[in-house]
PDB file of N, CA and C in Angstrom:
ATOM      1  N   MET A   1      85.053 -97.220-192.414  1.00  0.00           N
ATOM      2  CA  MET A   1      86.474 -97.762-192.037  1.00  0.00           C
ATOM      3  C   MET A   1      86.748 -98.631-191.211  1.00  0.00           C
ATOM      4  N   ALA A   2      87.504 -99.530-191.093  1.00  0.00           N
ATOM      5  CA  ALA A   2      87.845-100.276-189.972  1.00  0.00           C
ATOM      6  C   ALA A   2      88.871-100.178-189.288  1.00  0.00           C
ATOM      7  N   VAL A   3      88.864-100.059-187.710  1.00  0.00           N
ATOM      8  CA  VAL A   3      89.946-100.053-187.177  1.00  0.00           C
ATOM      9  C   VAL A   3      90.638-101.034-186.884  1.00  0.00           C
ATOM     10  N   PHE A   4      91.895-100.746-186.958  1.00  0.00           N
ATOM     11  CA  PHE A   4      92.750-101.869-186.491  1.00  0.00           C
ATOM     12  C   PHE A   4      94.026-101.702-185.433  1.00  0.00           C
ATOM     13  N   SER A   5      94.514-102.692-184.701  1.00  0.00           N
ATOM     14  CA  SER A   5      95.349-102.627-183.774  1.00  0.00           C
ATOM     15  C   SER A   5      96.235-103.506-183.894  1.00  0.00           C
ATOM     16  N   LYS A   6      97.379-103.210-183.229  1.00  0.00           N
ATOM     17  CA  LYS A   6      98.732-104.336-183.191  1.00  0.00           C
ATOM     18  C   LYS A   6      98.014-105.364-183.211  1.00  0.00           C
ATOM     19  N   GLY A   7      98.548-106.553-183.566  1.00  0.00           N
ATOM     20  CA  GLY A   7      98.298-108.267-184.134  1.00  0.00           C
ATOM     21  C   GLY A   7      96.974-108.501-184.273  1.00  0.00           C
ATOM     22  N   ASP A   8      96.058-107.467-185.222  1.00  0.00           N
ATOM     23  CA  ASP A   8      94.965-107.783-185.890  1.00  0.00           C
ATOM     24  C   ASP A   8      95.329-109.031-187.002  1.00  0.00           C
ATOM     25  N   LYS A   9      94.321-109.597-186.960  1.00  0.00           N
ATOM     26  CA  LYS A   9      94.576-110.865-188.246  1.00  0.00           C
ATOM     27  C   LYS A   9      93.802-110.630-189.450  1.00  0.00           C
ATOM     28  N   VAL A  10      94.483-111.010-190.700  1.00  0.00           N
ATOM     29  CA  VAL A  10      94.121-110.453-192.123  1.00  0.00           C
ATOM     30  C   VAL A  10      93.885-111.931-192.678  1.00  0.00           C
ATOM     31  N   GLU A  11      92.450-111.988-193.389  1.00  0.00           N
ATOM     32  CA  GLU A  11      92.513-113.599-194.130  1.00  0.00           C
ATOM     33  C   GLU A  11      92.654-112.985-195.586  1.00  0.00           C
ATOM     34  N   TYR A  12      93.092-113.160-195.820  1.00  0.00           N
ATOM     35  CA  TYR A  12      93.290-113.337-197.648  1.00  0.00           C
ATOM     36  C   TYR A  12      92.508-113.412-198.839  1.00  0.00           C
ATOM     37  N   LYS A  13      91.811-113.131-199.651  1.00  0.00           N
ATOM     38  CA  LYS A  13      91.042-113.917-200.671  1.00  0.00           C
ATOM     39  C   LYS A  13      91.681-114.835-201.446  1.00  0.00           C
ATOM     40  N   ASN A  14      92.606-114.189-202.036  1.00  0.00           N
ATOM     41  CA  ASN A  14      93.301-114.902-203.076  1.00  0.00           C
ATOM     42  C   ASN A  14      94.598-115.770-202.607  1.00  0.00           C
ATOM     43  N   LEU A  15      95.387-115.907-201.178  1.00  0.00           N
ATOM     44  CA  LEU A  15      96.296-116.412-200.804  1.00  0.00           C
ATOM     45  C   LEU A  15      95.833-117.861-200.214  1.00  0.00           C
ATOM     46  N   VAL A  16      96.560-118.770-199.831  1.00  0.00           N
ATOM     47  CA  VAL A  16      95.895-119.826-199.305  1.00  0.00           C
ATOM     48  C   VAL A  16      97.173-120.247-198.370  1.00  0.00           C
ATOM     49  N   GLU A  17      96.631-121.257-197.230  1.00  0.00           N
ATOM     50  CA  GLU A  17      97.423-121.953-196.756  1.00  0.00           C
ATOM     51  C   GLU A  17      98.569-122.760-197.781  1.00  0.00           C
ATOM     52  N   GLU A  18     100.000-122.838-197.186  1.00  0.00           N
ATOM     53  CA  GLU A  18     100.704-123.415-197.840  1.00  0.00           C
ATOM     54  C   GLU A  18     100.625-124.892-197.296  1.00  0.00           C
ATOM     55  N   GLN A  19     100.363-125.441-195.785  1.00  0.00           N
ATOM     56  CA  GLN A  19      99.949-126.648-195.989  1.00  0.00           C
ATOM     57  C   GLN A  19      98.694-127.220-196.355  1.00  0.00           C
ATOM     58  N   ASP A  20      97.509-126.600-196.318  1.00  0.00           N
ATOM     59  CA  ASP A  20      95.904-126.675-196.485  1.00  0.00           C
ATOM     60  C   ASP A  20      95.694-125.733-197.900  1.00  0.00           C
ATOM     61  N   GLN A  21      95.752-126.041-199.070  1.00  0.00           N
ATOM     62  CA  GLN A  21      95.563-124.938-199.480  1.00  0.00           C
ATOM     63  C   GLN A  21      94.056-125.013-200.014  1.00  0.00           C
ATOM     64  N   THR A  22      92.938-125.507-198.955  1.00  0.00           N
ATOM     65  CA  THR A  22      91.444-124.859-199.071  1.00  0.00           C
ATOM     66  C   THR A  22      91.683-124.213-198.543  1.00  0.00           C
ATOM     67  N   ARG A  23      92.524-123.707-197.329  1.00  0.00           N
ATOM     68  CA  ARG A  23      91.852-122.750-196.438  1.00  0.00           C
ATOM     69  C   ARG A  23      92.733-121.249-196.835  1.00  0.00           C
ATOM     70  N   PRO A  24      92.212-120.156-196.792  1.00  0.00           N
ATOM     71  CA  PRO A  24      92.485-119.179-196.941  1.00  0.00           C
ATOM     72  C   PRO A  24      93.613-118.764-195.844  1.00  0.00           C
ATOM     73  N   LEU A  25      94.667-117.978-196.538  1.00  0.00           N
ATOM     74  CA  LEU A  25      96.001-117.428-195.816  1.00  0.00           C
ATOM     75  C   LEU A  25      95.694-116.666-194.844  1.00  0.00           C
ATOM     76  N   VAL A  26      95.802-116.652-193.469  1.00  0.00           N
ATOM     77  CA  VAL A  26      95.798-115.763-192.199  1.00  0.00           C
ATOM     78  C   VAL A  26      96.889-115.375-191.845  1.00  0.00           C
ATOM     79  N   GLU A  27      97.178-114.076-191.646  1.00  0.00           N
ATOM     80  CA  GLU A  27      98.008-113.592-190.955  1.00  0.00           C
ATOM     81  C   GLU A  27      98.288-112.567-189.900  1.00  0.00           C
ATOM     82  N   ILE A  28      99.094-112.495-188.795  1.00  0.00           N
ATOM     83  CA  ILE A  28      98.551-111.224-187.681  1.00  0.00           C
ATOM     84  C   ILE A  28      99.938-110.203-188.576  1.00  0.00           C
ATOM     85  N   VAL A  29      99.226-109.083-188.704  1.00  0.00           N
ATOM     86  CA  VAL A  29      99.956-107.738-188.908  1.00  0.00           C
ATOM     87  C   VAL A  29      99.721-106.713-188.004  1.00  0.00           C
ATOM     88  N   SER A  30     100.450-105.692-188.278  1.00  0.00           N
ATOM     89  CA  SER A  30     100.223-104.428-187.603  1.00  0.00           C
ATOM     90  C   SER A  30      99.547-103.193-188.326  1.00  0.00           C
ATOM     91  N   ALA A  31      99.185-102.356-187.640  1.00  0.00           N
ATOM     92  CA  ALA A  31      98.181-101.430-188.185  1.00  0.00           C
ATOM     93  C   ALA A  31      98.655-100.494-189.300  1.00  0.00           C
ATOM     94  N   ASP A  32     100.100-100.634-189.373  1.00  0.00           N
ATOM     95  CA  ASP A  32     100.703 -99.782-190.199  1.00  0.00           C
ATOM     96  C   ASP A  32     100.677-100.423-191.828  1.00  0.00           C
ATOM     97  N   GLU A  33     100.425-101.916-191.866  1.00  0.00           N
ATOM     98  CA  GLU A  33     100.519-102.877-192.921  1.00  0.00           C
ATOM     99  C   GLU A  33      99.090-102.827-193.545  1.00  0.00           C
ATOM    100  N   ILE A  34      97.933-101.960-192.902  1.00  0.00           N
ATOM    101  CA  ILE A  34      96.705-102.276-193.229  1.00  0.00           C
ATOM    102  C   ILE A  34      96.294-100.858-194.083  1.00  0.00           C
ATOM    103  N   ARG A  35      95.649-100.860-195.348  1.00  0.00           N
ATOM    104  CA  ARG A  35      95.410 -99.917-196.205  1.00  0.00           C
ATOM    105  C   ARG A  35      93.934-100.036-196.556  1.00  0.00           C
ATOM    106  N   PRO A  36      93.288 -99.348-197.465  1.00  0.00           N
ATOM    107  CA  PRO A  36      91.922 -99.687-198.176  1.00  0.00           C
ATOM    108  C   PRO A  36      92.554-100.113-199.329  1.00  0.00           C
ATOM    109  N   LEU A  37      91.263-100.422-200.033  1.00  0.00           N
ATOM    110  CA  LEU A  37      91.707-100.691-201.790  1.00  0.00           C
ATOM    111  C   LEU A  37      92.322 -99.322-202.392  1.00  0.00           C
ATOM    112  N   PRO A  38      93.035 -99.878-203.242  1.00  0.00           N
ATOM    113  CA  PRO A  38      93.066 -98.448-204.197  1.00  0.00           C
ATOM    114  C   PRO A  38      91.791 -98.312-204.889  1.00  0.00           C
ATOM    115  N   PRO A  39      91.805 -96.819-205.567  1.00  0.00           N
ATOM    116  CA  PRO A  39      90.488 -96.598-206.236  1.00  0.00           C
ATOM    117  C   PRO A  39      90.445 -97.566-207.389  1.00  0.00           C
ATOM    118  N   LEU A  40      89.281 -98.211-207.852  1.00  0.00           N
ATOM    119  CA  LEU A  40      88.812 -98.629-208.796  1.00  0.00           C
ATOM    120  C   LEU A  40      89.022 -97.924-209.931  1.00  0.00           C
ATOM    121  N   THR A  41      89.832 -98.799-211.163  1.00  0.00           N
ATOM    122  CA  THR A  41      90.444 -97.843-212.066  1.00  0.00           C
ATOM    123  C   THR A  41      89.276 -98.196-213.588  1.00  0.00           C
ATOM    124  N   THR A  42      89.483 -97.985-214.457  1.00  0.00           N
ATOM    125  CA  THR A  42      88.726 -98.489-215.906  1.00  0.00           C
ATOM    126  C   THR A  42      89.327 -99.786-216.177  1.00  0.00           C
ATOM    127  N   PRO A  43      88.663-100.791-216.751  1.00  0.00           N
ATOM    128  CA  PRO A  43      88.931-102.244-217.352  1.00  0.00           C
ATOM    129  C   PRO A  43      90.646-101.936-217.725  1.00  0.00           C
ATOM    130  N   ARG A  44      91.364-102.652-217.365  1.00  0.00           N
ATOM    131  CA  ARG A  44      92.806-102.903-218.060  1.00  0.00           C
ATOM    132  C   ARG A  44      92.961-102.261-219.505  1.00  0.00           C
ATOM    133  N   ASP A  45      93.482-101.424-219.723  1.00  0.00           N
ATOM    134  CA  ASP A  45      93.892-100.873-220.826  1.00  0.00           C
ATOM    135  C   ASP A  45      95.130-101.016-221.595  1.00  0.00           C
ATOM    136  N   THR A  46      94.853-101.779-223.245  1.00  0.00           N
ATOM    137  CA  THR A  46      95.744-102.801-223.525  1.00  0.00           C
ATOM    138  C   THR A  46      96.774-101.973-223.931  1.00  0.00           C
ATOM    139  N   THR A  47      96.389-100.616-224.355  1.00  0.00           N
ATOM    140  CA  THR A  47      96.862 -99.669-225.078  1.00  0.00           C
ATOM    141  C   THR A  47      97.910 -98.506-224.482  1.00  0.00           C
ATOM    142  N   ARG A  48      97.450 -98.899-222.785  1.00  0.00           N
ATOM    143  CA  ARG A  48      98.268 -98.002-222.076  1.00  0.00           C
ATOM    144  C   ARG A  48      99.728 -97.948-222.540  1.00  0.00           C
ATOM    145  N   THR A  49     100.482 -96.817-222.231  1.00  0.00           N
ATOM    146  CA  THR A  49     102.268 -96.868-222.322  1.00  0.00           C
ATOM    147  C   THR A  49     102.802 -96.271-220.812  1.00  0.00           C
ATOM    148  N   PHE A  50     103.791 -96.944-220.695  1.00  0.00           N
ATOM    149  CA  PHE A  50     104.696 -96.876-219.490  1.00  0.00           C
ATOM    150  C   PHE A  50     106.119 -96.029-219.914  1.00  0.00           C
ATOM    151  N   GLN A  51     106.316 -95.315-219.102  1.00  0.00           N
ATOM    152  CA  GLN A  51     107.757 -94.753-219.426  1.00  0.00           C
ATOM    153  C   GLN A  51     109.035 -95.433-218.491  1.00  0.00           C
ATOM    154  N   TYR A  52     110.102 -95.111-219.083  1.00  0.00           N
ATOM    155  CA  TYR A  52     111.252 -95.524-218.576  1.00  0.00           C
ATOM    156  C   TYR A  52     111.475 -95.324-216.873  1.00  0.00           C
ATOM    157  N   LEU A  53     111.789 -95.993-216.007  1.00  0.00           N
ATOM    158  CA  LEU A  53     111.836 -95.855-214.991  1.00  0.00           C
ATOM    159  C   LEU A  53     110.580 -95.443-213.933  1.00  0.00           C
ATOM    160  N   GLU A  54     109.620 -95.420-214.570  1.00  0.00           N
ATOM    161  CA  GLU A  54     107.917 -95.224-213.667  1.00  0.00           C
ATOM    162  C   GLU A  54     108.192 -96.079-212.772  1.00  0.00           C
ATOM    163  N   ARG A  55     107.240 -96.057-211.426  1.00  0.00           N
ATOM    164  CA  ARG A  55     106.851 -96.962-210.880  1.00  0.00           C
ATOM    165  C   ARG A  55     104.811 -97.424-210.926  1.00  0.00           C
ATOM    166  N   VAL A  56     105.822 -98.815-210.986  1.00  0.00           N
ATOM    167  CA  VAL A  56     104.278 -99.372-211.529  1.00  0.00           C
ATOM    168  C   VAL A  56     103.788-100.544-210.372  1.00  0.00           C
ATOM    169  N   ASP A  57     102.503-101.053-210.567  1.00  0.00           N
ATOM    170  CA  ASP A  57     102.476-102.263-209.553  1.00  0.00           C
ATOM    171  C   ASP A  57     101.900-103.518-210.717  1.00  0.00           C
ATOM    172  N   ALA A  58     102.418-104.703-210.670  1.00  0.00           N
ATOM    173  CA  ALA A  58     102.685-105.570-211.384  1.00  0.00           C
ATOM    174  C   ALA A  58     101.917-106.801-211.103  1.00  0.00           C
ATOM    175  N   PHE A  59     100.803-107.142-211.245  1.00  0.00           N
ATOM    176  CA  PHE A  59     100.225-108.416-211.215  1.00  0.00           C
ATOM    177  C   PHE A  59     100.773-109.583-211.163  1.00  0.00           C
ATOM    178  N   ASP A  60     101.174-110.414-209.927  1.00  0.00           N
ATOM    179  CA  ASP A  60     101.921-111.556-210.352  1.00  0.00           C
ATOM    180  C   ASP A  60     101.736-112.437-208.860  1.00  0.00           C
ATOM    181  N   ASN A  61     101.662-113.771-209.405  1.00  0.00           N
ATOM    182  CA  ASN A  61     101.333-114.426-207.776  1.00  0.00           C
ATOM    183  C   ASN A  61     100.028-114.241-207.095  1.00  0.00           C
ATOM    184  N   ASP A  62      98.829-113.805-207.731  1.00  0.00           N
ATOM    185  CA  ASP A  62      97.840-113.617-207.059  1.00  0.00           C
ATOM    186  C   ASP A  62      97.886-112.110-206.404  1.00  0.00           C
ATOM    187  N   GLY A  63      98.652-111.307-206.567  1.00  0.00           N
ATOM    188  CA  GLY A  63      98.629-110.161-205.723  1.00  0.00           C
ATOM    189  C   GLY A  63      99.225-109.055-206.850  1.00  0.00           C
ATOM    190  N   TRP A  64      99.365-108.169-205.998  1.00  0.00           N
ATOM    191  CA  TRP A  64      99.723-106.816-206.749  1.00  0.00           C
ATOM    192  C   TRP A  64     101.949-106.442-206.172  1.00  0.00           C
ATOM    193  N   ARG A  65     102.627-106.540-206.960  1.00  0.00           N
ATOM    194  CA  ARG A  65     103.821-106.319-206.440  1.00  0.00           C
ATOM    195  C   ARG A  65     104.194-104.567-206.953  1.00  0.00           C
ATOM    196  N   VAL A  66     104.942-103.616-205.987  1.00  0.00           N
ATOM    197  CA  VAL A  66     105.390-102.295-206.945  1.00  0.00           C
ATOM    198  C   VAL A  66     106.617-102.979-207.364  1.00  0.00           C
ATOM    199  N   GLY A  67     106.931-102.251-208.716  1.00  0.00           N
ATOM    200  CA  GLY A  67     108.408-102.512-209.225  1.00  0.00           C
ATOM    201  C   GLY A  67     108.599-101.157-210.283  1.00  0.00           C
ATOM    202  N   THR A  68     109.435-101.015-210.698  1.00  0.00           N
ATOM    203  CA  THR A  68     110.035 -99.887-211.884  1.00  0.00           C
ATOM    204  C   THR A  68     110.186-100.500-213.126  1.00  0.00           C
ATOM    205  N   ILE A  69     109.914 -99.685-214.209  1.00  0.00           N
ATOM    206  CA  ILE A  69     109.635-100.036-215.378  1.00  0.00           C
ATOM    207  C   ILE A  69     111.266-100.008-216.017  1.00  0.00           C
ATOM    208  N   THR A  70     111.700-101.163-216.511  1.00  0.00           N
ATOM    209  CA  THR A  70     113.116-100.872-217.082  1.00  0.00           C
ATOM    210  C   THR A  70     113.439-100.858-218.547  1.00  0.00           C
ATOM    211  N   GLY A  71     112.163-101.068-219.092  1.00  0.00           N
ATOM    212  CA  GLY A  71     112.257-101.818-220.874  1.00  0.00           C
ATOM    213  C   GLY A  71     110.984-101.791-221.241  1.00  0.00           C
ATOM    214  N   LYS A  72     111.226-102.224-222.751  1.00  0.00           N
ATOM    215  CA  LYS A  72     110.021-102.333-223.508  1.00  0.00           C
ATOM    216  C   LYS A  72     110.706-103.328-224.430  1.00  0.00           C
ATOM    217  N   GLN A  73     110.086-104.687-224.698  1.00  0.00           N
ATOM    218  CA  GLN A  73     110.226-105.380-225.699  1.00  0.00           C
ATOM    219  C   GLN A  73     109.028-105.879-226.201  1.00  0.00           C
ATOM    220  N   GLU A  74     108.654-105.430-227.369  1.00  0.00           N
ATOM    221  CA  GLU A  74     107.359-105.833-228.324  1.00  0.00           C
ATOM    222  C   GLU A  74     106.439-105.207-227.335  1.00  0.00           C
ATOM    223  N   LEU A  75     105.571-106.420-227.412  1.00  0.00           N
ATOM    224  CA  LEU A  75     104.395-105.968-226.178  1.00  0.00           C
ATOM    225  C   LEU A  75     104.275-106.124-224.599  1.00  0.00           C
ATOM    226  N   LYS A  76     105.724-106.373-224.242  1.00  0.00           N
ATOM    227  CA  LYS A  76     105.583-106.354-222.661  1.00  0.00           C
ATOM    228  C   LYS A  76     106.557-105.363-222.107  1.00  0.00           C
ATOM    229  N   TYR A  77     106.388-104.973-220.782  1.00  0.00           N
ATOM    230  CA  TYR A  77     107.405-103.885-220.320  1.00  0.00           C
ATOM    231  C   TYR A  77     108.019-105.035-219.342  1.00  0.00           C
ATOM    232  N   TRP A  78     109.613-104.724-219.013  1.00  0.00           N
ATOM    233  CA  TRP A  78     110.379-105.065-218.102  1.00  0.00           C
ATOM    234  C   TRP A  78     110.550-104.556-216.782  1.00  0.00           C
ATOM    235  N   VAL A  79     109.780-105.134-215.676  1.00  0.00           N
ATOM    236  CA  VAL A  79     109.444-104.683-214.553  1.00  0.00           C
ATOM    237  C   VAL A  79     110.671-105.099-213.176  1.00  0.00           C
ATOM    238  N   TYR A  80     111.218-104.401-212.836  1.00  0.00           N
ATOM    239  CA  TYR A  80     112.334-104.540-211.759  1.00  0.00           C
ATOM    240  C   TYR A  80     111.927-104.334-210.527  1.00  0.00           C
ATOM    241  N   PHE A  81     111.972-105.317-209.479  1.00  0.00           N
ATOM    242  CA  PHE A  81     111.392-105.419-208.171  1.00  0.00           C
ATOM    243  C   PHE A  81     113.045-105.305-207.631  1.00  0.00           C
ATOM    244  N   GLU A  82     112.583-103.973-206.591  1.00  0.00           N
ATOM    245  CA  GLU A  82     114.157-103.847-205.497  1.00  0.00           C
ATOM    246  C   GLU A  82     114.129-104.803-204.599  1.00  0.00           C
ATOM    247  N   THR A  83     113.062-105.146-204.148  1.00  0.00           N
ATOM    248  CA  THR A  83     113.015-106.049-203.410  1.00  0.00           C
ATOM    249  C   THR A  83     113.996-107.781-203.122  1.00  0.00           C
ATOM    250  N   THR A  84     113.568-108.025-204.610  1.00  0.00           N
ATOM    251  CA  THR A  84     113.966-109.430-204.789  1.00  0.00           C
ATOM    252  C   THR A  84     114.960-109.691-205.772  1.00  0.00           C
ATOM    253  N   LYS A  85     115.442-108.321-206.331  1.00  0.00           N
ATOM    254  CA  LYS A  85     116.264-108.253-207.515  1.00  0.00           C
ATOM    255  C   LYS A  85     115.916-108.877-208.818  1.00  0.00           C
ATOM    256  N   ASP A  86     114.365-108.923-208.853  1.00  0.00           N
ATOM    257  CA  ASP A  86     113.914-109.850-209.933  1.00  0.00           C
ATOM    258  C   ASP A  86     113.870-108.603-211.327  1.00  0.00           C
ATOM    259  N   GLU A  87     113.687-108.930-212.448  1.00  0.00           N
ATOM    260  CA  GLU A  87     113.409-108.391-213.609  1.00  0.00           C
ATOM    261  C   GLU A  87     112.558-108.982-214.181  1.00  0.00           C
ATOM    262  N   ILE A  88     111.313-108.477-214.417  1.00  0.00           N
ATOM    263  CA  ILE A  88     110.293-109.904-215.260  1.00  0.00           C
ATOM    264  C   ILE A  88     109.627-109.018-216.156  1.00  0.00           C
ATOM    265  N   ALA A  89     109.300-109.720-217.535  1.00  0.00           N
ATOM    266  CA  ALA A  89     108.366-108.932-218.579  1.00  0.00           C
ATOM    267  C   ALA A  89     107.288-109.456-218.099  1.00  0.00           C
ATOM    268  N   TYR A  90     106.207-108.120-218.417  1.00  0.00           N
ATOM    269  CA  TYR A  90     104.409-108.258-217.921  1.00  0.00           C
ATOM    270  C   TYR A  90     103.727-107.724-219.171  1.00  0.00           C
ATOM    271  N   PRO A  91     103.140-108.109-220.056  1.00  0.00           N
ATOM    272  CA  PRO A  91     101.624-107.639-220.709  1.00  0.00           C
ATOM    273  C   PRO A  91     101.239-106.174-220.158  1.00  0.00           C
ATOM    274  N   VAL A  92     100.879-105.330-220.649  1.00  0.00           N
ATOM    275  CA  VAL A  92     100.084-104.132-220.071  1.00  0.00           C
ATOM    276  C   VAL A  92      99.100-104.525-219.385  1.00  0.00           C
ATOM    277  N   SER A  93      98.443-105.580-219.470  1.00  0.00           N
ATOM    278  CA  SER A  93      97.292-106.048-218.811  1.00  0.00           C
ATOM    279  C   SER A  93      97.659-106.173-217.542  1.00  0.00           C
ATOM    280  N   GLN A  94      98.510-106.695-217.139  1.00  0.00           N
ATOM    281  CA  GLN A  94      99.089-106.834-215.709  1.00  0.00           C
ATOM    282  C   GLN A  94      99.816-105.994-215.255  1.00  0.00           C
ATOM    283  N   LEU A  95      99.628-104.695-215.580  1.00  0.00           N
ATOM    284  CA  LEU A  95     100.287-103.574-214.886  1.00  0.00           C
ATOM    285  C   LEU A  95      99.420-102.479-214.755  1.00  0.00           C
ATOM    286  N   ARG A  96      99.445-101.506-213.853  1.00  0.00           N
ATOM    287  CA  ARG A  96      98.677-100.416-213.370  1.00  0.00           C
ATOM    288  C   ARG A  96      99.626 -99.070-212.746  1.00  0.00           C
ATOM    289  N   ASN A  97      98.898 -97.923-212.567  1.00  0.00           N
ATOM    290  CA  ASN A  97      99.613 -96.947-212.217  1.00  0.00           C
ATOM    291  C   ASN A  97     100.282 -97.284-210.320  1.00  0.00           C
ATOM    292  N   HIS A  98     100.929 -96.759-210.149  1.00  0.00           N
ATOM    293  CA  HIS A  98     101.536 -97.083-208.556  1.00  0.00           C
ATOM    294  C   HIS A  98     100.841 -95.655-207.805  1.00  0.00           C
ATOM    295  N   LEU A  99     100.016 -96.300-206.970  1.00  0.00           N
ATOM    296  CA  LEU A  99      99.548 -95.113-205.882  1.00  0.00           C
ATOM    297  C   LEU A  99     100.363 -95.253-204.441  1.00  0.00           C
ATOM    298  N   GLU A 100     100.509 -94.680-203.732  1.00  0.00           N
ATOM    299  CA  GLU A 100     101.296 -94.511-202.255  1.00  0.00           C
ATOM    300  C   GLU A 100     100.029 -94.084-201.553  1.00  0.00           C
ATOM    301  N   TRP A 101      99.726 -94.977-200.105  1.00  0.00           N
ATOM    302  CA  TRP A 101      98.505 -94.508-199.466  1.00  0.00           C
ATOM    303  C   TRP A 101      99.577 -93.454-198.124  1.00  0.00           C
ATOM    304  N   ARG A 102      99.123 -92.281-198.357  1.00  0.00           N
ATOM    305  CA  ARG A 102      99.778 -91.055-197.587  1.00  0.00           C
ATOM    306  C   ARG A 102      98.550 -90.091-196.921  1.00  0.00           C
ATOM    307  N   ASN A 103      98.946 -90.114-195.717  1.00  0.00           N
ATOM    308  CA  ASN A 103      97.953 -89.121-194.781  1.00  0.00           C
ATOM    309  C   ASN A 103      96.778 -89.461-195.246  1.00  0.00           C
ATOM    310  N   GLY A 104      96.499 -90.857-195.150  1.00  0.00           N
ATOM    311  CA  GLY A 104      94.797 -90.870-195.320  1.00  0.00           C
ATOM    312  C   GLY A 104      94.697 -90.934-197.090  1.00  0.00           C
ATOM    313  N   LYS A 105      95.437 -90.760-197.822  1.00  0.00           N
ATOM    314  CA  LYS A 105      94.853 -90.767-199.247  1.00  0.00           C
ATOM    315  C   LYS A 105      95.674 -91.608-200.032  1.00  0.00           C
ATOM    316  N   TRP A 106      95.028 -91.679-201.181  1.00  0.00           N
ATOM    317  CA  TRP A 106      96.008 -92.305-202.294  1.00  0.00           C
ATOM    318  C   TRP A 106      96.393 -91.355-202.969  1.00  0.00           C
ATOM    319  N   VAL A 107      98.178 -91.333-203.492  1.00  0.00           N
ATOM    320  CA  VAL A 107      98.411 -90.192-204.206  1.00  0.00           C
ATOM    321  C   VAL A 107      99.439 -91.087-205.306  1.00  0.00           C
ATOM    322  N   SER A 108      99.471 -90.396-206.534  1.00  0.00           N
ATOM    323  CA  SER A 108     100.433 -91.091-207.450  1.00  0.00           C
ATOM    324  C   SER A 108     101.600 -90.954-207.124  1.00  0.00           C
ATOM    325  N   CYS A 109     102.794 -91.876-207.327  1.00  0.00           N
ATOM    326  CA  CYS A 109     103.959 -92.156-207.106  1.00  0.00           C
ATOM    327  C   CYS A 109     104.608 -92.800-208.132  1.00  0.00           C
ATOM    328  N   THR A 110     105.013 -91.964-209.054  1.00  0.00           N
ATOM    329  CA  THR A 110     105.249 -92.795-211.096  1.00  0.00           C
ATOM    330  C   THR A 110     106.648 -92.507-210.780  1.00  0.00           C
ATOM    331  N   LYS A 111     107.413 -91.848-210.015  1.00  0.00           N
ATOM    332  CA  LYS A 111     108.750 -91.958-210.643  1.00  0.00           C
ATOM    333  C   LYS A 111     109.928 -93.107-209.480  1.00  0.00           C
ATOM    334  N   SER A 112     110.784 -93.534-209.739  1.00  0.00           N
ATOM    335  CA  SER A 112     111.585 -94.645-208.941  1.00  0.00           C
ATOM    336  C   SER A 112     112.449 -93.564-208.121  1.00  0.00           C
ATOM    337  N   PHE A 113     112.896 -94.026-207.204  1.00  0.00           N
ATOM    338  CA  PHE A 113     113.803 -93.771-206.306  1.00  0.00           C
ATOM    339  C   PHE A 113     115.336 -94.359-207.042  1.00  0.00           C
ATOM    340  N   PHE A 114     115.257 -95.063-207.519  1.00  0.00           N
ATOM    341  CA  PHE A 114     116.782 -96.058-207.680  1.00  0.00           C
ATOM    342  C   PHE A 114     117.413 -95.814-208.447  1.00  0.00           C
TER     343      PHE A 114
END
């Protein structure tokens, strides 16, 4: 496990610099913003179902965003993002169970608090 301190630099694999899109994005972050990758899951199950108000991660713009299931329409789930107030429909293949990094472990945190 890597040790990070205040002001460490992080280089992203999937995000690029706005001015030069050939260079990976590099940011200075605090240690509490660093966490290991969540455990690997089986390939995305397109038959997976989610419940109303369940917390999920949605893959959007080359990254995972935390949101809450607010509805289902045919083969897509509506996900609400509290930080941006957006509500977007996603296919199941772009959703996964939400996990929180607490006390050095990944724990399930599926119910929303709003």
